[in-house]
PDB file of N, CA and C in Angstrom:
ATOM      1  N   MET A   1      -2.242  17.778 -11.801  1.00  0.00           N
ATOM      2  CA  MET A   1      -1.711  17.595 -10.453  1.00  0.00           C
ATOM      3  C   MET A   1      -1.608  16.102 -10.147  1.00  0.00           C
ATOM      4  N   ALA A   2      -0.591  15.717  -9.460  1.00  0.00           N
ATOM      5  CA  ALA A   2      -0.366  14.313  -9.124  1.00  0.00           C
ATOM      6  C   ALA A   2      -1.410  13.823  -8.125  1.00  0.00           C
ATOM      7  N   ASP A   3      -1.562  12.518  -8.081  1.00  0.00           N
ATOM      8  CA  ASP A   3      -2.492  11.892  -7.136  1.00  0.00           C
ATOM      9  C   ASP A   3      -1.909  12.027  -5.730  1.00  0.00           C
ATOM     10  N   VAL A   4      -2.488  12.907  -4.915  1.00  0.00           N
ATOM     11  CA  VAL A   4      -1.950  13.152  -3.583  1.00  0.00           C
ATOM     12  C   VAL A   4      -2.854  12.596  -2.481  1.00  0.00           C
ATOM     13  N   ALA A   5      -3.820  11.774  -2.859  1.00  0.00           N
ATOM     14  CA  ALA A   5      -4.709  11.187  -1.866  1.00  0.00           C
ATOM     15  C   ALA A   5      -3.912  10.264  -0.944  1.00  0.00           C
ATOM     16  N   VAL A   6      -4.258  10.308   0.332  1.00  0.00           N
ATOM     17  CA  VAL A   6      -3.617   9.426   1.299  1.00  0.00           C
ATOM     18  C   VAL A   6      -4.690   8.610   2.007  1.00  0.00           C
ATOM     19  N   VAL A   7      -4.319   7.400   2.414  1.00  0.00           N
ATOM     20  CA  VAL A   7      -5.277   6.498   3.048  1.00  0.00           C
ATOM     21  C   VAL A   7      -4.706   5.954   4.346  1.00  0.00           C
ATOM     22  N   SER A   8      -5.595   5.637   5.258  1.00  0.00           N
ATOM     23  CA  SER A   8      -5.217   5.128   6.577  1.00  0.00           C
ATOM     24  C   SER A   8      -4.924   3.629   6.512  1.00  0.00           C
ATOM     25  N   VAL A   9      -4.394   3.115   7.593  1.00  0.00           N
ATOM     26  CA  VAL A   9      -4.099   1.683   7.664  1.00  0.00           C
ATOM     27  C   VAL A   9      -5.380   0.868   7.500  1.00  0.00           C
ATOM     28  N   ARG A  10      -6.472   1.334   8.043  1.00  0.00           N
ATOM     29  CA  ARG A  10      -7.748   0.606   7.888  1.00  0.00           C
ATOM     30  C   ARG A  10      -8.187   0.565   6.432  1.00  0.00           C
ATOM     31  N   GLU A  11      -8.005   1.687   5.737  1.00  0.00           N
ATOM     32  CA  GLU A  11      -8.385   1.735   4.328  1.00  0.00           C
ATOM     33  C   GLU A  11      -7.480   0.846   3.480  1.00  0.00           C
ATOM     34  N   VAL A  12      -6.192   0.816   3.799  1.00  0.00           N
ATOM     35  CA  VAL A  12      -5.263  -0.073   3.094  1.00  0.00           C
ATOM     36  C   VAL A  12      -5.658  -1.521   3.346  1.00  0.00           C
ATOM     37  N   ALA A  13      -5.984  -1.844   4.587  1.00  0.00           N
ATOM     38  CA  ALA A  13      -6.387  -3.203   4.936  1.00  0.00           C
ATOM     39  C   ALA A  13      -7.627  -3.610   4.150  1.00  0.00           C
ATOM     40  N   GLU A  14      -8.576  -2.712   4.058  1.00  0.00           N
ATOM     41  CA  GLU A  14      -9.801  -3.008   3.308  1.00  0.00           C
ATOM     42  C   GLU A  14      -9.494  -3.197   1.829  1.00  0.00           C
ATOM     43  N   LEU A  15      -8.634  -2.342   1.280  1.00  0.00           N
ATOM     44  CA  LEU A  15      -8.244  -2.436  -0.119  1.00  0.00           C
ATOM     45  C   LEU A  15      -7.591  -3.782  -0.423  1.00  0.00           C
ATOM     46  N   LEU A  16      -6.739  -4.242   0.484  1.00  0.00           N
ATOM     47  CA  LEU A  16      -5.999  -5.487   0.274  1.00  0.00           C
ATOM     48  C   LEU A  16      -6.733  -6.721   0.791  1.00  0.00           C
ATOM     49  N   GLY A  17      -7.784  -6.515   1.560  1.00  0.00           N
ATOM     50  CA  GLY A  17      -8.531  -7.647   2.109  1.00  0.00           C
ATOM     51  C   GLY A  17      -7.799  -8.354   3.233  1.00  0.00           C
ATOM     52  N   VAL A  18      -7.086  -7.573   4.034  1.00  0.00           N
ATOM     53  CA  VAL A  18      -6.329  -8.135   5.157  1.00  0.00           C
ATOM     54  C   VAL A  18      -6.629  -7.344   6.427  1.00  0.00           C
ATOM     55  N   ASN A  19      -6.088  -7.814   7.545  1.00  0.00           N
ATOM     56  CA  ASN A  19      -6.219  -7.161   8.835  1.00  0.00           C
ATOM     57  C   ASN A  19      -5.238  -5.982   8.908  1.00  0.00           C
ATOM     58  N   PRO A  20      -5.577  -4.903   9.619  1.00  0.00           N
ATOM     59  CA  PRO A  20      -4.627  -3.786   9.764  1.00  0.00           C
ATOM     60  C   PRO A  20      -3.253  -4.210  10.292  1.00  0.00           C
ATOM     61  N   ARG A  21      -3.205  -5.175  11.187  1.00  0.00           N
ATOM     62  CA  ARG A  21      -1.889  -5.639  11.674  1.00  0.00           C
ATOM     63  C   ARG A  21      -1.060  -6.239  10.536  1.00  0.00           C
ATOM     64  N   THR A  22      -1.738  -6.899   9.619  1.00  0.00           N
ATOM     65  CA  THR A  22      -1.043  -7.474   8.462  1.00  0.00           C
ATOM     66  C   THR A  22      -0.473  -6.368   7.584  1.00  0.00           C
ATOM     67  N   VAL A  23      -1.181  -5.260   7.465  1.00  0.00           N
ATOM     68  CA  VAL A  23      -0.683  -4.123   6.687  1.00  0.00           C
ATOM     69  C   VAL A  23       0.638  -3.642   7.271  1.00  0.00           C
ATOM     70  N   TRP A  24       0.700  -3.500   8.592  1.00  0.00           N
ATOM     71  CA  TRP A  24       1.946  -3.060   9.240  1.00  0.00           C
ATOM     72  C   TRP A  24       3.069  -4.051   8.975  1.00  0.00           C
ATOM     73  N   ARG A  25       2.773  -5.345   9.068  1.00  0.00           N
ATOM     74  CA  ARG A  25       3.799  -6.368   8.792  1.00  0.00           C
ATOM     75  C   ARG A  25       4.269  -6.290   7.345  1.00  0.00           C
ATOM     76  N   MET A  26       3.328  -6.116   6.435  1.00  0.00           N
ATOM     77  CA  MET A  26       3.678  -6.024   5.012  1.00  0.00           C
ATOM     78  C   MET A  26       4.570  -4.817   4.747  1.00  0.00           C
ATOM     79  N   ALA A  27       4.295  -3.712   5.398  1.00  0.00           N
ATOM     80  CA  ALA A  27       5.114  -2.510   5.227  1.00  0.00           C
ATOM     81  C   ALA A  27       6.516  -2.733   5.798  1.00  0.00           C
ATOM     82  N   GLN A  28       6.603  -3.406   6.943  1.00  0.00           N
ATOM     83  CA  GLN A  28       7.906  -3.662   7.568  1.00  0.00           C
ATOM     84  C   GLN A  28       8.764  -4.588   6.724  1.00  0.00           C
ATOM     85  N   THR A  29       8.148  -5.545   6.049  1.00  0.00           N
ATOM     86  CA  THR A  29       8.908  -6.510   5.247  1.00  0.00           C
ATOM     87  C   THR A  29       9.102  -6.057   3.810  1.00  0.00           C
ATOM     88  N   GLY A  30       8.534  -4.918   3.452  1.00  0.00           N
ATOM     89  CA  GLY A  30       8.696  -4.396   2.096  1.00  0.00           C
ATOM     90  C   GLY A  30       7.719  -4.965   1.091  1.00  0.00           C
ATOM     91  N   ASN A  31       6.684  -5.651   1.550  1.00  0.00           N
ATOM     92  CA  ASN A  31       5.689  -6.208   0.635  1.00  0.00           C
ATOM     93  C   ASN A  31       4.716  -5.171   0.108  1.00  0.00           C
ATOM     94  N   ILE A  32       4.663  -4.011   0.738  1.00  0.00           N
ATOM     95  CA  ILE A  32       3.909  -2.858   0.237  1.00  0.00           C
ATOM     96  C   ILE A  32       4.782  -1.628   0.486  1.00  0.00           C
ATOM     97  N   PRO A  33       4.500  -0.538  -0.210  1.00  0.00           N
ATOM     98  CA  PRO A  33       5.298   0.680   0.016  1.00  0.00           C
ATOM     99  C   PRO A  33       5.206   1.161   1.468  1.00  0.00           C
ATOM    100  N   ALA A  34       6.247   1.824   1.898  1.00  0.00           N
ATOM    101  CA  ALA A  34       6.274   2.368   3.256  1.00  0.00           C
ATOM    102  C   ALA A  34       5.290   3.534   3.367  1.00  0.00           C
ATOM    103  N   PRO A  35       4.689   3.698   4.532  1.00  0.00           N
ATOM    104  CA  PRO A  35       3.790   4.836   4.739  1.00  0.00           C
ATOM    105  C   PRO A  35       4.586   6.116   4.942  1.00  0.00           C
ATOM    106  N   ILE A  36       3.875   7.221   4.916  1.00  0.00           N
ATOM    107  CA  ILE A  36       4.494   8.513   5.222  1.00  0.00           C
ATOM    108  C   ILE A  36       3.923   9.014   6.541  1.00  0.00           C
ATOM    109  N   ARG A  37       4.746   9.683   7.311  1.00  0.00           N
ATOM    110  CA  ARG A  37       4.318  10.217   8.603  1.00  0.00           C
ATOM    111  C   ARG A  37       3.924  11.674   8.400  1.00  0.00           C
ATOM    112  N   LEU A  38       2.653  11.971   8.648  1.00  0.00           N
ATOM    113  CA  LEU A  38       2.158  13.339   8.489  1.00  0.00           C
ATOM    114  C   LEU A  38       2.322  14.161   9.757  1.00  0.00           C
ATOM    115  N   SER A  39       2.335  13.483  10.892  1.00  0.00           N
ATOM    116  CA  SER A  39       2.599  14.121  12.170  1.00  0.00           C
ATOM    117  C   SER A  39       3.079  13.029  13.120  1.00  0.00           C
ATOM    118  N   GLU A  40       3.288  13.368  14.361  1.00  0.00           N
ATOM    119  CA  GLU A  40       3.798  12.388  15.317  1.00  0.00           C
ATOM    120  C   GLU A  40       2.902  11.161  15.418  1.00  0.00           C
ATOM    121  N   ARG A  41       1.588  11.366  15.320  1.00  0.00           N
ATOM    122  CA  ARG A  41       0.655  10.259  15.509  1.00  0.00           C
ATOM    123  C   ARG A  41      -0.133   9.875  14.262  1.00  0.00           C
ATOM    124  N   VAL A  42       0.138  10.526  13.133  1.00  0.00           N
ATOM    125  CA  VAL A  42      -0.632  10.263  11.914  1.00  0.00           C
ATOM    126  C   VAL A  42       0.276   9.685  10.842  1.00  0.00           C
ATOM    127  N   VAL A  43      -0.056   8.458  10.423  1.00  0.00           N
ATOM    128  CA  VAL A  43       0.696   7.767   9.382  1.00  0.00           C
ATOM    129  C   VAL A  43      -0.288   7.371   8.292  1.00  0.00           C
ATOM    130  N   ARG A  44       0.067   7.660   7.047  1.00  0.00           N
ATOM    131  CA  ARG A  44      -0.810   7.353   5.920  1.00  0.00           C
ATOM    132  C   ARG A  44       0.018   6.800   4.762  1.00  0.00           C
ATOM    133  N   TRP A  45      -0.670   6.143   3.849  1.00  0.00           N
ATOM    134  CA  TRP A  45      -0.055   5.656   2.619  1.00  0.00           C
ATOM    135  C   TRP A  45      -0.536   6.516   1.468  1.00  0.00           C
ATOM    136  N   ARG A  46       0.369   6.815   0.532  1.00  0.00           N
ATOM    137  CA  ARG A  46      -0.031   7.509  -0.689  1.00  0.00           C
ATOM    138  C   ARG A  46      -0.779   6.507  -1.554  1.00  0.00           C
ATOM    139  N   LEU A  47      -1.968   6.866  -1.957  1.00  0.00           N
ATOM    140  CA  LEU A  47      -2.767   5.981  -2.790  1.00  0.00           C
ATOM    141  C   LEU A  47      -2.044   5.686  -4.105  1.00  0.00           C
ATOM    142  N   SER A  48      -1.352   6.676  -4.638  1.00  0.00           N
ATOM    143  CA  SER A  48      -0.617   6.471  -5.897  1.00  0.00           C
ATOM    144  C   SER A  48       0.486   5.433  -5.723  1.00  0.00           C
ATOM    145  N   ASP A  49       1.190   5.428  -4.584  1.00  0.00           N
ATOM    146  CA  ASP A  49       2.229   4.424  -4.318  1.00  0.00           C
ATOM    147  C   ASP A  49       1.634   3.023  -4.272  1.00  0.00           C
ATOM    148  N   LEU A  50       0.490   2.895  -3.610  1.00  0.00           N
ATOM    149  CA  LEU A  50      -0.162   1.590  -3.515  1.00  0.00           C
ATOM    150  C   LEU A  50      -0.634   1.113  -4.883  1.00  0.00           C
ATOM    151  N   ARG A  51      -1.207   2.015  -5.675  1.00  0.00           N
ATOM    152  CA  ARG A  51      -1.677   1.644  -7.017  1.00  0.00           C
ATOM    153  C   ARG A  51      -0.520   1.167  -7.882  1.00  0.00           C
ATOM    154  N   GLU A  52       0.588   1.912  -7.872  1.00  0.00           N
ATOM    155  CA  GLU A  52       1.770   1.512  -8.651  1.00  0.00           C
ATOM    156  C   GLU A  52       2.268   0.147  -8.221  1.00  0.00           C
ATOM    157  N   HIS A  53       2.336  -0.064  -6.918  1.00  0.00           N
ATOM    158  CA  HIS A  53       2.815  -1.337  -6.379  1.00  0.00           C
ATOM    159  C   HIS A  53       1.911  -2.482  -6.834  1.00  0.00           C
ATOM    160  N   LEU A  54       0.598  -2.301  -6.708  1.00  0.00           N
ATOM    161  CA  LEU A  54      -0.338  -3.347  -7.106  1.00  0.00           C
ATOM    162  C   LEU A  54      -0.292  -3.589  -8.606  1.00  0.00           C
ATOM    163  N   ASP A  55      -0.118  -2.536  -9.400  1.00  0.00           N
ATOM    164  CA  ASP A  55      -0.002  -2.696 -10.852  1.00  0.00           C
ATOM    165  C   ASP A  55       1.248  -3.500 -11.211  1.00  0.00           C
ATOM    166  N   ARG A  56       2.369  -3.208 -10.542  1.00  0.00           N
ATOM    167  CA  ARG A  56       3.608  -3.958 -10.794  1.00  0.00           C
ATOM    168  C   ARG A  56       3.439  -5.422 -10.421  1.00  0.00           C
ATOM    169  N   LYS A  57       2.811  -5.680  -9.278  1.00  0.00           N
ATOM    170  CA  LYS A  57       2.586  -7.066  -8.851  1.00  0.00           C
ATOM    171  C   LYS A  57       1.672  -7.795  -9.832  1.00  0.00           C
ATOM    172  N   ALA A  58       0.637  -7.110 -10.305  1.00  0.00           N
ATOM    173  CA  ALA A  58      -0.289  -7.729 -11.264  1.00  0.00           C
ATOM    174  C   ALA A  58       0.428  -8.024 -12.582  1.00  0.00           C
ATOM    175  N   ALA A  59       1.277  -7.102 -13.023  1.00  0.00           N
ATOM    176  CA  ALA A  59       2.025  -7.311 -14.274  1.00  0.00           C
ATOM    177  C   ALA A  59       2.998  -8.475 -14.113  1.00  0.00           C
ATOM    178  N   GLY A  60       3.624  -8.572 -12.961  1.00  0.00           N
ATOM    179  CA  GLY A  60       4.551  -9.670 -12.702  1.00  0.00           C
ATOM    180  C   GLY A  60       3.825 -11.005 -12.642  1.00  0.00           C
ATOM    181  N   ALA A  61       2.662 -11.009 -12.027  1.00  0.00           N
ATOM    182  CA  ALA A  61       1.879 -12.243 -11.905  1.00  0.00           C
ATOM    183  C   ALA A  61       1.382 -12.692 -13.262  1.00  0.00           C
ATOM    184  N   SER A  62       0.982 -11.754 -14.125  1.00  0.00           N
ATOM    185  CA  SER A  62       0.501 -12.143 -15.445  1.00  0.00           C
ATOM    186  C   SER A  62       1.643 -12.657 -16.302  1.00  0.00           C
ATOM    187  N   GLY A  63       2.853 -12.135 -16.060  1.00  0.00           N
ATOM    188  CA  GLY A  63       4.017 -12.609 -16.796  1.00  0.00           C
ATOM    189  C   GLY A  63       4.384 -14.034 -16.446  1.00  0.00           C
ATOM    190  N   VAL A  64       4.128 -14.439 -15.218  1.00  0.00           N
ATOM    191  CA  VAL A  64       4.463 -15.786 -14.764  1.00  0.00           C
ATOM    192  C   VAL A  64       3.542 -16.810 -15.412  1.00  0.00           C
ATOM    193  N   ARG A  65       2.299 -16.439 -15.652  1.00  0.00           N
ATOM    194  CA  ARG A  65       1.316 -17.378 -16.212  1.00  0.00           C
ATOM    195  C   ARG A  65       1.597 -17.740 -17.661  1.00  0.00           C
ATOM    196  N   ARG A  66       2.277 -16.846 -18.363  1.00  0.00           N
ATOM    197  CA  ARG A  66       2.479 -17.068 -19.812  1.00  0.00           C
ATOM    198  C   ARG A  66       3.357 -18.202 -20.106  1.00  0.00           C
TER     199      ARG A  66
END
């Protein structure tokens, strides 16, 4: 089964080491994957989307150092 875990804005902020407001800005500018809306008032990020994004960024950063 695919990774279907979802995380809140606070959890994303903690993962990235930023403020929750920064998470919203990053999502708006495309610096992190867009969240999914589970209901009118509940918005979450797929943990798998965030992991893929961070892995791509890490691979890109390591490529620049070479």
